[in-house]
Amino acid sequence: MFELTKKILVRVSFDPQLFQKELAKAIRWMTDSEEVQRLREWCIKEFGAVYPSIVHTAFSSQVK
């Protein structure tokens, strides 16, 4: 799931709204908290400079 999510987020990263929607969906789908943490770290590294507020909001609102 992690690798698929990375591919999707890279492909939709041109559109902030679509990126936010897909990131939220991926976080909901992931059941392993370690996988969510890996996704969080990857998102910060890859998109932290482009979409810092989206990344922060998506992971701060997770219910895990």
C-alpha atoms as a PDB file:
ATOM      1  CA  MET A   1       0.000   0.000   0.000  1.00  0.00           C
ATOM      2  CA  PHE A   2       2.870   2.336   0.836  1.00  0.00           C
ATOM      3  CA  GLU A   3       4.472   2.093  -2.611  1.00  0.00           C
ATOM      4  CA  LEU A   4       1.149   2.525  -4.404  1.00  0.00           C
ATOM      5  CA  THR A   5       0.365   5.581  -2.290  1.00  0.00           C
ATOM      6  CA  LYS A   6       3.722   7.139  -3.129  1.00  0.00           C
ATOM      7  CA  LYS A   7       3.070   6.688  -6.856  1.00  0.00           C
ATOM      8  CA  ILE A   8      -0.394   8.217  -6.594  1.00  0.00           C
ATOM      9  CA  LEU A   9       0.780  11.216  -4.571  1.00  0.00           C
ATOM     10  CA  VAL A  10       3.592  11.963  -7.001  1.00  0.00           C
ATOM     11  CA  ARG A  11       1.156  11.826  -9.913  1.00  0.00           C
ATOM     12  CA  VAL A  12      -1.392  14.170  -8.311  1.00  0.00           C
ATOM     13  CA  SER A  13       1.110  16.568  -6.749  1.00  0.00           C
ATOM     14  CA  PHE A  14       0.423  19.174  -9.455  1.00  0.00           C
ATOM     15  CA  ASP A  15      -2.959  19.946  -7.837  1.00  0.00           C
ATOM     16  CA  PRO A  16      -3.076  20.870  -4.124  1.00  0.00           C
ATOM     17  CA  GLN A  17      -6.721  19.867  -3.649  1.00  0.00           C
ATOM     18  CA  LEU A  18      -6.279  16.512  -5.326  1.00  0.00           C
ATOM     19  CA  PHE A  19      -3.070  15.913  -3.384  1.00  0.00           C
ATOM     20  CA  GLN A  20      -4.854  16.662  -0.114  1.00  0.00           C
ATOM     21  CA  LYS A  21      -7.765  14.367  -0.999  1.00  0.00           C
ATOM     22  CA  GLU A  22      -5.519  11.448  -1.985  1.00  0.00           C
ATOM     23  CA  LEU A  23      -3.286  11.861   1.057  1.00  0.00           C
ATOM     24  CA  ALA A  24      -6.281  11.801   3.407  1.00  0.00           C
ATOM     25  CA  LYS A  25      -7.655   8.736   1.638  1.00  0.00           C
ATOM     26  CA  ALA A  26      -4.321   6.921   1.911  1.00  0.00           C
ATOM     27  CA  ILE A  27      -4.059   7.631   5.635  1.00  0.00           C
ATOM     28  CA  ARG A  28      -7.581   6.259   6.188  1.00  0.00           C
ATOM     29  CA  TRP A  29      -6.815   3.085   4.217  1.00  0.00           C
ATOM     30  CA  MET A  30      -3.578   2.262   5.995  1.00  0.00           C
ATOM     31  CA  THR A  31      -4.071   0.023   9.003  1.00  0.00           C
ATOM     32  CA  ASP A  32      -0.469  -0.286  10.178  1.00  0.00           C
ATOM     33  CA  SER A  33       0.675   2.679  12.280  1.00  0.00           C
ATOM     34  CA  GLU A  34       4.298   2.066  11.253  1.00  0.00           C
ATOM     35  CA  GLU A  35       3.306   2.346   7.607  1.00  0.00           C
ATOM     36  CA  VAL A  36       1.502   5.623   8.316  1.00  0.00           C
ATOM     37  CA  GLN A  37       4.628   6.902  10.053  1.00  0.00           C
ATOM     38  CA  ARG A  38       6.749   5.938   7.032  1.00  0.00           C
ATOM     39  CA  LEU A  39       4.300   7.761   4.773  1.00  0.00           C
ATOM     40  CA  ARG A  40       4.447  10.821   7.018  1.00  0.00           C
ATOM     41  CA  GLU A  41       8.238  10.919   6.898  1.00  0.00           C
ATOM     42  CA  TRP A  42       8.258  10.426   3.132  1.00  0.00           C
ATOM     43  CA  CYS A  43       5.654  13.180   2.611  1.00  0.00           C
ATOM     44  CA  ILE A  44       7.630  15.624   4.723  1.00  0.00           C
ATOM     45  CA  LYS A  45      10.776  14.843   2.747  1.00  0.00           C
ATOM     46  CA  GLU A  46       9.139  14.955  -0.695  1.00  0.00           C
ATOM     47  CA  PHE A  47       6.395  17.567  -0.292  1.00  0.00           C
ATOM     48  CA  GLY A  48       7.209  19.428   2.912  1.00  0.00           C
ATOM     49  CA  ALA A  49       8.482  22.455   1.010  1.00  0.00           C
ATOM     50  CA  VAL A  50       5.607  22.488  -1.488  1.00  0.00           C
ATOM     51  CA  TYR A  51       2.592  21.611   0.684  1.00  0.00           C
ATOM     52  CA  PRO A  52       3.669  22.002   4.325  1.00  0.00           C
ATOM     53  CA  SER A  53       0.227  22.878   5.656  1.00  0.00           C
ATOM     54  CA  ILE A  54      -1.502  20.045   3.784  1.00  0.00           C
ATOM     55  CA  VAL A  55       0.984  17.457   5.057  1.00  0.00           C
ATOM     56  CA  HIS A  56       0.831  18.774   8.615  1.00  0.00           C
ATOM     57  CA  THR A  57      -2.970  18.913   8.674  1.00  0.00           C
ATOM     58  CA  ALA A  58      -3.405  15.459   7.156  1.00  0.00           C
ATOM     59  CA  PHE A  59      -1.222  13.738   9.715  1.00  0.00           C
ATOM     60  CA  SER A  60      -2.274  15.787  12.736  1.00  0.00           C
ATOM     61  CA  SER A  61      -5.923  14.890  12.153  1.00  0.00           C
ATOM     62  CA  GLN A  62      -5.334  11.143  11.873  1.00  0.00           C
ATOM     63  CA  VAL A  63      -7.113   9.029  14.459  1.00  0.00           C
ATOM     64  CA  LYS A  64      -4.407   6.408  14.984  1.00  0.00           C
END
